[in-house]
């Protein structure tokens, strides 16, 4: 199977020899500046991606709650902020965080969805008051909520398009964050492991054979075979000495 090296084409800065600079520019300084610029842009891109991934679900959830509130409440109910608060507490989860990625410490300062809608009502009432309109008129508030809903939809469309573009830019470049270990685990058959362990223990229990008592070791060792041959010569010398001694005694007689 041929190896695909096309992914390495996306490396921004691979080798120092690939960079050509002006003779008056220090090459090492230019490479260092280029690396810092690449890392800075990467951090900004990741920060924007994280921001959009939090904002988009938040705006979508706010639109869902605003649409249901407009469908369930009358103009008279919309004009009374206390009724709106009661409706939000009964219908939705007041403790649901607008940013679920926050830690427990940061969550205490983060407003919930219901609190954000209440703040929106206060803001819209202030806009109606500035426009010389009745801020307690439910019909006026309904119109302002619908207009605000359209603005949120426009922002959502722009943010989603921007998020897609940022992900494409991220995929075009390779970074250490995209590198993952392919195989970091090994699989071992239990039956083979048990057989290997039994064979190892049997090998350890075997006693080494003495080289003197073994025929193959005697044949392979010339030193041992030489000592075996010299033993008969010693015996023959003793026999010669014993036979010569009686002959000396007979001649004396």
C-alpha atoms as a PDB file:
ATOM      1  CA  UNK A   1       0.000   0.000   0.000  1.00  0.00           C
ATOM      2  CA  UNK A   2       1.596   3.325  -1.016  1.00  0.00           C
ATOM      3  CA  UNK A   3       2.190   5.902   1.708  1.00  0.00           C
ATOM      4  CA  UNK A   4       0.390   9.211   1.327  1.00  0.00           C
ATOM      5  CA  UNK A   5       2.678  12.146   2.121  1.00  0.00           C
ATOM      6  CA  UNK A   6       0.261  14.838   0.952  1.00  0.00           C
ATOM      7  CA  UNK A   7      -0.547  15.972   4.504  1.00  0.00           C
ATOM      8  CA  UNK A   8       2.994  17.271   4.893  1.00  0.00           C
ATOM      9  CA  UNK A   9       2.310  19.789   2.129  1.00  0.00           C
ATOM     10  CA  UNK A  10       0.384  21.880   4.648  1.00  0.00           C
ATOM     11  CA  UNK A  11       3.346  22.563   6.907  1.00  0.00           C
ATOM     12  CA  UNK A  12       3.850  26.304   7.138  1.00  0.00           C
ATOM     13  CA  UNK A  13       7.507  26.305   8.135  1.00  0.00           C
ATOM     14  CA  UNK A  14       9.331  23.023   7.569  1.00  0.00           C
ATOM     15  CA  UNK A  15      13.027  23.692   6.979  1.00  0.00           C
ATOM     16  CA  UNK A  16      15.331  26.659   7.274  1.00  0.00           C
ATOM     17  CA  UNK A  17      16.638  26.015   3.788  1.00  0.00           C
ATOM     18  CA  UNK A  18      13.154  26.577   2.342  1.00  0.00           C
ATOM     19  CA  UNK A  19      13.203  30.242   3.350  1.00  0.00           C
ATOM     20  CA  UNK A  20      14.842  32.899   1.248  1.00  0.00           C
ATOM     21  CA  UNK A  21      15.265  36.342   2.753  1.00  0.00           C
ATOM     22  CA  UNK A  22      16.839  39.595   1.668  1.00  0.00           C
ATOM     23  CA  UNK A  23      20.619  39.698   2.130  1.00  0.00           C
ATOM     24  CA  UNK A  24      20.226  42.603   4.550  1.00  0.00           C
ATOM     25  CA  UNK A  25      17.823  40.601   6.747  1.00  0.00           C
ATOM     26  CA  UNK A  26      19.145  38.167   9.332  1.00  0.00           C
ATOM     27  CA  UNK A  27      17.815  34.737   8.424  1.00  0.00           C
ATOM     28  CA  UNK A  28      17.649  33.372  11.986  1.00  0.00           C
ATOM     29  CA  UNK A  29      15.786  36.439  13.216  1.00  0.00           C
ATOM     30  CA  UNK A  30      13.359  36.220  10.320  1.00  0.00           C
ATOM     31  CA  UNK A  31      12.651  32.539  11.010  1.00  0.00           C
ATOM     32  CA  UNK A  32      12.073  33.271  14.696  1.00  0.00           C
ATOM     33  CA  UNK A  33       9.707  36.115  13.851  1.00  0.00           C
ATOM     34  CA  UNK A  34       7.863  33.907  11.364  1.00  0.00           C
ATOM     35  CA  UNK A  35       7.408  31.155  13.940  1.00  0.00           C
ATOM     36  CA  UNK A  36       6.078  33.610  16.516  1.00  0.00           C
ATOM     37  CA  UNK A  37       3.642  35.011  13.961  1.00  0.00           C
ATOM     38  CA  UNK A  38       2.392  31.515  13.112  1.00  0.00           C
ATOM     39  CA  UNK A  39       1.870  30.628  16.782  1.00  0.00           C
ATOM     40  CA  UNK A  40       0.108  33.930  17.476  1.00  0.00           C
ATOM     41  CA  UNK A  41      -2.306  33.488  14.573  1.00  0.00           C
ATOM     42  CA  UNK A  42      -2.981  29.915  15.647  1.00  0.00           C
ATOM     43  CA  UNK A  43      -3.836  31.011  19.190  1.00  0.00           C
ATOM     44  CA  UNK A  44      -6.158  33.751  17.928  1.00  0.00           C
ATOM     45  CA  UNK A  45      -7.881  31.321  15.576  1.00  0.00           C
ATOM     46  CA  UNK A  46      -8.423  28.756  18.334  1.00  0.00           C
ATOM     47  CA  UNK A  47      -9.749  31.490  20.617  1.00  0.00           C
ATOM     48  CA  UNK A  48     -12.246  32.636  17.983  1.00  0.00           C
ATOM     49  CA  UNK A  49     -13.363  29.054  17.351  1.00  0.00           C
ATOM     50  CA  UNK A  50     -13.969  28.517  21.050  1.00  0.00           C
ATOM     51  CA  UNK A  51     -15.882  31.795  21.291  1.00  0.00           C
ATOM     52  CA  UNK A  52     -18.181  30.969  18.362  1.00  0.00           C
ATOM     53  CA  UNK A  53     -18.760  27.429  19.624  1.00  0.00           C
ATOM     54  CA  UNK A  54     -20.085  28.971  22.860  1.00  0.00           C
ATOM     55  CA  UNK A  55     -22.056  31.855  21.334  1.00  0.00           C
ATOM     56  CA  UNK A  56     -23.922  29.898  18.658  1.00  0.00           C
ATOM     57  CA  UNK A  57     -25.647  27.397  21.011  1.00  0.00           C
ATOM     58  CA  UNK A  58     -26.364  30.218  23.468  1.00  0.00           C
ATOM     59  CA  UNK A  59     -28.123  32.376  20.848  1.00  0.00           C
ATOM     60  CA  UNK A  60     -30.049  29.375  19.558  1.00  0.00           C
ATOM     61  CA  UNK A  61     -31.285  28.558  23.062  1.00  0.00           C
ATOM     62  CA  UNK A  62     -32.310  32.181  23.630  1.00  0.00           C
ATOM     63  CA  UNK A  63     -34.289  32.158  20.377  1.00  0.00           C
ATOM     64  CA  UNK A  64     -36.075  28.966  21.391  1.00  0.00           C
ATOM     65  CA  UNK A  65     -37.136  30.471  24.709  1.00  0.00           C
ATOM     66  CA  UNK A  66     -38.144  33.794  23.149  1.00  0.00           C
ATOM     67  CA  UNK A  67     -40.283  32.060  20.497  1.00  0.00           C
ATOM     68  CA  UNK A  68     -42.067  29.932  23.079  1.00  0.00           C
ATOM     69  CA  UNK A  69     -42.630  32.945  25.303  1.00  0.00           C
ATOM     70  CA  UNK A  70     -44.164  34.928  22.429  1.00  0.00           C
ATOM     71  CA  UNK A  71     -46.423  31.996  21.581  1.00  0.00           C
ATOM     72  CA  UNK A  72     -47.619  31.351  25.146  1.00  0.00           C
ATOM     73  CA  UNK A  73     -47.925  34.849  26.637  1.00  0.00           C
ATOM     74  CA  UNK A  74     -50.414  37.503  25.672  1.00  0.00           C
ATOM     75  CA  UNK A  75     -49.616  41.176  25.178  1.00  0.00           C
ATOM     76  CA  UNK A  76     -50.923  41.890  28.652  1.00  0.00           C
ATOM     77  CA  UNK A  77     -48.582  39.294  30.168  1.00  0.00           C
ATOM     78  CA  UNK A  78     -45.618  40.614  28.201  1.00  0.00           C
ATOM     79  CA  UNK A  79     -46.218  44.090  29.584  1.00  0.00           C
ATOM     80  CA  UNK A  80     -45.853  42.838  33.176  1.00  0.00           C
ATOM     81  CA  UNK A  81     -42.266  41.927  34.030  1.00  0.00           C
ATOM     82  CA  UNK A  82     -43.311  39.955  37.121  1.00  0.00           C
ATOM     83  CA  UNK A  83     -45.539  37.684  35.008  1.00  0.00           C
ATOM     84  CA  UNK A  84     -42.675  37.165  32.589  1.00  0.00           C
ATOM     85  CA  UNK A  85     -40.392  36.119  35.460  1.00  0.00           C
ATOM     86  CA  UNK A  86     -42.988  33.688  36.800  1.00  0.00           C
ATOM     87  CA  UNK A  87     -43.443  32.185  33.342  1.00  0.00           C
ATOM     88  CA  UNK A  88     -39.695  31.719  32.897  1.00  0.00           C
ATOM     89  CA  UNK A  89     -39.287  30.062  36.301  1.00  0.00           C
ATOM     90  CA  UNK A  90     -42.162  27.632  35.663  1.00  0.00           C
ATOM     91  CA  UNK A  91     -41.404  26.793  32.041  1.00  0.00           C
ATOM     92  CA  UNK A  92     -37.616  26.650  31.777  1.00  0.00           C
ATOM     93  CA  UNK A  93     -34.694  25.479  33.839  1.00  0.00           C
ATOM     94  CA  UNK A  94     -33.501  28.571  35.662  1.00  0.00           C
ATOM     95  CA  UNK A  95     -30.241  26.958  36.723  1.00  0.00           C
ATOM     96  CA  UNK A  96     -29.130  26.052  33.206  1.00  0.00           C
ATOM     97  CA  UNK A  97     -25.883  27.937  32.498  1.00  0.00           C
ATOM     98  CA  UNK A  98     -25.499  29.962  29.337  1.00  0.00           C
ATOM     99  CA  UNK A  99     -21.880  28.807  29.112  1.00  0.00           C
ATOM    100  CA  UNK A 100     -21.543  25.127  30.139  1.00  0.00           C
ATOM    101  CA  UNK A 101     -17.745  25.188  29.703  1.00  0.00           C
ATOM    102  CA  UNK A 102     -17.232  27.415  32.746  1.00  0.00           C
ATOM    103  CA  UNK A 103     -15.861  26.019  35.969  1.00  0.00           C
ATOM    104  CA  UNK A 104     -17.835  26.006  39.213  1.00  0.00           C
ATOM    105  CA  UNK A 105     -16.101  29.180  40.400  1.00  0.00           C
ATOM    106  CA  UNK A 106     -16.751  31.134  37.191  1.00  0.00           C
ATOM    107  CA  UNK A 107     -20.321  29.863  36.966  1.00  0.00           C
ATOM    108  CA  UNK A 108     -21.320  31.913  40.023  1.00  0.00           C
ATOM    109  CA  UNK A 109     -20.780  35.152  38.074  1.00  0.00           C
ATOM    110  CA  UNK A 110     -22.308  33.862  34.820  1.00  0.00           C
ATOM    111  CA  UNK A 111     -26.006  34.748  34.220  1.00  0.00           C
ATOM    112  CA  UNK A 112     -28.468  32.007  33.359  1.00  0.00           C
ATOM    113  CA  UNK A 113     -30.743  31.999  30.306  1.00  0.00           C
ATOM    114  CA  UNK A 114     -33.711  33.238  32.307  1.00  0.00           C
ATOM    115  CA  UNK A 115     -31.684  36.104  33.738  1.00  0.00           C
ATOM    116  CA  UNK A 116     -30.522  37.042  30.241  1.00  0.00           C
ATOM    117  CA  UNK A 117     -34.131  37.200  29.011  1.00  0.00           C
ATOM    118  CA  UNK A 118     -35.086  39.341  31.990  1.00  0.00           C
ATOM    119  CA  UNK A 119     -32.209  41.690  31.185  1.00  0.00           C
ATOM    120  CA  UNK A 120     -33.436  41.789  27.583  1.00  0.00           C
ATOM    121  CA  UNK A 121     -36.879  42.909  28.738  1.00  0.00           C
ATOM    122  CA  UNK A 122     -35.344  45.674  30.832  1.00  0.00           C
ATOM    123  CA  UNK A 123     -33.252  46.784  27.865  1.00  0.00           C
ATOM    124  CA  UNK A 124     -36.229  46.783  25.477  1.00  0.00           C
ATOM    125  CA  UNK A 125     -38.318  48.760  27.940  1.00  0.00           C
ATOM    126  CA  UNK A 126     -35.557  51.354  28.086  1.00  0.00           C
ATOM    127  CA  UNK A 127     -35.478  51.578  24.280  1.00  0.00           C
ATOM    128  CA  UNK A 128     -39.244  52.106  24.175  1.00  0.00           C
ATOM    129  CA  UNK A 129     -38.952  54.780  26.808  1.00  0.00           C
ATOM    130  CA  UNK A 130     -36.265  56.555  24.781  1.00  0.00           C
ATOM    131  CA  UNK A 131     -38.483  56.331  21.691  1.00  0.00           C
ATOM    132  CA  UNK A 132     -41.338  58.050  23.578  1.00  0.00           C
ATOM    133  CA  UNK A 133     -43.402  54.850  23.591  1.00  0.00           C
ATOM    134  CA  UNK A 134     -45.189  53.086  26.405  1.00  0.00           C
ATOM    135  CA  UNK A 135     -42.713  50.561  27.869  1.00  0.00           C
ATOM    136  CA  UNK A 136     -45.512  48.645  29.607  1.00  0.00           C
ATOM    137  CA  UNK A 137     -47.463  48.056  26.403  1.00  0.00           C
ATOM    138  CA  UNK A 138     -47.219  44.364  25.562  1.00  0.00           C
ATOM    139  CA  UNK A 139     -47.752  44.974  21.839  1.00  0.00           C
ATOM    140  CA  UNK A 140     -44.764  47.308  21.707  1.00  0.00           C
ATOM    141  CA  UNK A 141     -42.640  44.794  23.606  1.00  0.00           C
ATOM    142  CA  UNK A 142     -43.714  42.001  21.255  1.00  0.00           C
ATOM    143  CA  UNK A 143     -42.617  44.077  18.251  1.00  0.00           C
ATOM    144  CA  UNK A 144     -39.265  44.847  19.863  1.00  0.00           C
ATOM    145  CA  UNK A 145     -38.706  41.171  20.737  1.00  0.00           C
ATOM    146  CA  UNK A 146     -39.442  40.119  17.142  1.00  0.00           C
ATOM    147  CA  UNK A 147     -36.991  42.710  15.802  1.00  0.00           C
ATOM    148  CA  UNK A 148     -34.369  41.585  18.292  1.00  0.00           C
ATOM    149  CA  UNK A 149     -35.013  37.981  17.239  1.00  0.00           C
ATOM    150  CA  UNK A 150     -34.255  38.885  13.614  1.00  0.00           C
ATOM    151  CA  UNK A 151     -30.992  40.546  14.627  1.00  0.00           C
ATOM    152  CA  UNK A 152     -29.945  37.432  16.527  1.00  0.00           C
ATOM    153  CA  UNK A 153     -30.703  35.272  13.479  1.00  0.00           C
ATOM    154  CA  UNK A 154     -28.494  37.495  11.325  1.00  0.00           C
ATOM    155  CA  UNK A 155     -25.680  37.277  13.859  1.00  0.00           C
ATOM    156  CA  UNK A 156     -26.109  33.496  14.036  1.00  0.00           C
ATOM    157  CA  UNK A 157     -25.796  33.152  10.267  1.00  0.00           C
ATOM    158  CA  UNK A 158     -22.622  35.253  10.243  1.00  0.00           C
ATOM    159  CA  UNK A 159     -21.094  33.394  13.181  1.00  0.00           C
ATOM    160  CA  UNK A 160     -21.815  29.973  11.670  1.00  0.00           C
ATOM    161  CA  UNK A 161     -20.217  30.991   8.363  1.00  0.00           C
ATOM    162  CA  UNK A 162     -17.207  32.396  10.199  1.00  0.00           C
ATOM    163  CA  UNK A 163     -16.870  29.219  12.264  1.00  0.00           C
ATOM    164  CA  UNK A 164     -16.847  27.057   9.128  1.00  0.00           C
ATOM    165  CA  UNK A 165     -14.170  29.291   7.607  1.00  0.00           C
ATOM    166  CA  UNK A 166     -12.009  29.096  10.740  1.00  0.00           C
ATOM    167  CA  UNK A 167     -12.230  25.303  10.801  1.00  0.00           C
ATOM    168  CA  UNK A 168     -11.163  25.173   7.147  1.00  0.00           C
ATOM    169  CA  UNK A 169      -8.184  27.425   7.875  1.00  0.00           C
ATOM    170  CA  UNK A 170      -7.244  25.205  10.796  1.00  0.00           C
ATOM    171  CA  UNK A 171      -7.384  22.074   8.652  1.00  0.00           C
ATOM    172  CA  UNK A 172      -5.094  23.645   6.049  1.00  0.00           C
ATOM    173  CA  UNK A 173      -2.222  23.822   8.528  1.00  0.00           C
ATOM    174  CA  UNK A 174      -0.629  21.095  10.619  1.00  0.00           C
ATOM    175  CA  UNK A 175       0.197  21.660  14.271  1.00  0.00           C
ATOM    176  CA  UNK A 176       1.302  19.484  17.173  1.00  0.00           C
ATOM    177  CA  UNK A 177      -2.282  19.547  18.491  1.00  0.00           C
ATOM    178  CA  UNK A 178      -3.414  17.592  15.425  1.00  0.00           C
ATOM    179  CA  UNK A 179      -0.835  14.831  15.953  1.00  0.00           C
ATOM    180  CA  UNK A 180      -2.087  11.792  17.869  1.00  0.00           C
ATOM    181  CA  UNK A 181      -0.538   8.455  18.710  1.00  0.00           C
ATOM    182  CA  UNK A 182      -1.707   5.786  16.301  1.00  0.00           C
ATOM    183  CA  UNK A 183      -0.983   2.658  18.350  1.00  0.00           C
ATOM    184  CA  UNK A 184      -0.222   2.975  22.035  1.00  0.00           C
ATOM    185  CA  UNK A 185      -1.644  -0.388  23.155  1.00  0.00           C
ATOM    186  CA  UNK A 186      -0.674  -3.993  22.483  1.00  0.00           C
ATOM    187  CA  UNK A 187      -2.959  -7.049  22.345  1.00  0.00           C
ATOM    188  CA  UNK A 188      -1.768 -10.380  23.754  1.00  0.00           C
ATOM    189  CA  UNK A 189      -3.674 -13.648  23.498  1.00  0.00           C
ATOM    190  CA  UNK A 190      -4.245 -15.108  26.955  1.00  0.00           C
ATOM    191  CA  UNK A 191      -3.648 -18.718  25.805  1.00  0.00           C
ATOM    192  CA  UNK A 192      -0.351 -17.802  24.176  1.00  0.00           C
ATOM    193  CA  UNK A 193       0.653 -15.823  27.255  1.00  0.00           C
ATOM    194  CA  UNK A 194      -0.078 -18.796  29.547  1.00  0.00           C
ATOM    195  CA  UNK A 195       1.868 -21.182  27.297  1.00  0.00           C
ATOM    196  CA  UNK A 196       4.825 -18.801  27.162  1.00  0.00           C
ATOM    197  CA  UNK A 197       4.806 -18.437  30.955  1.00  0.00           C
ATOM    198  CA  UNK A 198       4.688 -22.243  31.429  1.00  0.00           C
ATOM    199  CA  UNK A 199       7.556 -22.757  28.996  1.00  0.00           C
ATOM    200  CA  UNK A 200       9.608 -20.121  30.776  1.00  0.00           C
ATOM    201  CA  UNK A 201       9.060 -21.677  34.203  1.00  0.00           C
ATOM    202  CA  UNK A 202       9.921 -25.161  32.875  1.00  0.00           C
ATOM    203  CA  UNK A 203      13.132 -23.843  31.380  1.00  0.00           C
ATOM    204  CA  UNK A 204      14.110 -22.237  34.681  1.00  0.00           C
ATOM    205  CA  UNK A 205      13.483 -25.514  36.597  1.00  0.00           C
ATOM    206  CA  UNK A 206      15.836 -27.553  34.382  1.00  0.00           C
ATOM    207  CA  UNK A 207      19.143 -28.485  36.119  1.00  0.00           C
ATOM    208  CA  UNK A 208      22.336 -28.012  34.070  1.00  0.00           C
ATOM    209  CA  UNK A 209      23.961 -31.321  33.040  1.00  0.00           C
ATOM    210  CA  UNK A 210      27.479 -32.054  34.311  1.00  0.00           C
ATOM    211  CA  UNK A 211      30.021 -31.922  31.469  1.00  0.00           C
ATOM    212  CA  UNK A 212      32.037 -34.835  32.924  1.00  0.00           C
ATOM    213  CA  UNK A 213      29.119 -37.289  33.071  1.00  0.00           C
ATOM    214  CA  UNK A 214      27.733 -36.392  29.659  1.00  0.00           C
ATOM    215  CA  UNK A 215      29.014 -38.067  26.568  1.00  0.00           C
ATOM    216  CA  UNK A 216      28.506 -35.130  24.177  1.00  0.00           C
ATOM    217  CA  UNK A 217      30.328 -32.758  26.495  1.00  0.00           C
ATOM    218  CA  UNK A 218      33.212 -35.195  26.836  1.00  0.00           C
ATOM    219  CA  UNK A 219      33.523 -35.478  23.096  1.00  0.00           C
ATOM    220  CA  UNK A 220      33.383 -31.733  22.661  1.00  0.00           C
ATOM    221  CA  UNK A 221      35.982 -31.030  25.381  1.00  0.00           C
ATOM    222  CA  UNK A 222      39.513 -31.962  24.352  1.00  0.00           C
ATOM    223  CA  UNK A 223      40.856 -31.257  27.850  1.00  0.00           C
ATOM    224  CA  UNK A 224      38.659 -33.849  29.506  1.00  0.00           C
ATOM    225  CA  UNK A 225      39.408 -36.458  26.844  1.00  0.00           C
ATOM    226  CA  UNK A 226      43.143 -35.835  27.264  1.00  0.00           C
ATOM    227  CA  UNK A 227      42.969 -36.454  31.021  1.00  0.00           C
ATOM    228  CA  UNK A 228      41.111 -39.684  30.367  1.00  0.00           C
ATOM    229  CA  UNK A 229      43.881 -40.916  28.099  1.00  0.00           C
ATOM    230  CA  UNK A 230      46.704 -40.144  30.549  1.00  0.00           C
ATOM    231  CA  UNK A 231      45.226 -42.314  33.307  1.00  0.00           C
ATOM    232  CA  UNK A 232      46.191 -45.679  31.707  1.00  0.00           C
ATOM    233  CA  UNK A 233      49.817 -44.475  31.265  1.00  0.00           C
ATOM    234  CA  UNK A 234      50.078 -43.892  35.008  1.00  0.00           C
ATOM    235  CA  UNK A 235      48.808 -47.391  35.707  1.00  0.00           C
ATOM    236  CA  UNK A 236      51.357 -48.938  33.316  1.00  0.00           C
ATOM    237  CA  UNK A 237      54.205 -47.129  35.064  1.00  0.00           C
ATOM    238  CA  UNK A 238      53.115 -48.565  38.405  1.00  0.00           C
ATOM    239  CA  UNK A 239      52.974 -52.055  36.932  1.00  0.00           C
ATOM    240  CA  UNK A 240      56.512 -51.738  35.561  1.00  0.00           C
ATOM    241  CA  UNK A 241      57.861 -50.690  38.919  1.00  0.00           C
ATOM    242  CA  UNK A 242      56.194 -53.613  40.686  1.00  0.00           C
ATOM    243  CA  UNK A 243      57.616 -56.205  38.240  1.00  0.00           C
ATOM    244  CA  UNK A 244      61.142 -54.888  38.328  1.00  0.00           C
ATOM    245  CA  UNK A 245      61.469 -55.010  42.123  1.00  0.00           C
ATOM    246  CA  UNK A 246      61.229 -58.820  42.552  1.00  0.00           C
ATOM    247  CA  UNK A 247      63.877 -59.342  39.858  1.00  0.00           C
ATOM    248  CA  UNK A 248      66.380 -57.296  41.850  1.00  0.00           C
ATOM    249  CA  UNK A 249      65.784 -59.403  45.011  1.00  0.00           C
ATOM    250  CA  UNK A 250      66.361 -62.723  43.147  1.00  0.00           C
ATOM    251  CA  UNK A 251      69.712 -61.611  41.750  1.00  0.00           C
ATOM    252  CA  UNK A 252      70.951 -60.789  45.268  1.00  0.00           C
ATOM    253  CA  UNK A 253      70.178 -64.294  46.494  1.00  0.00           C
END
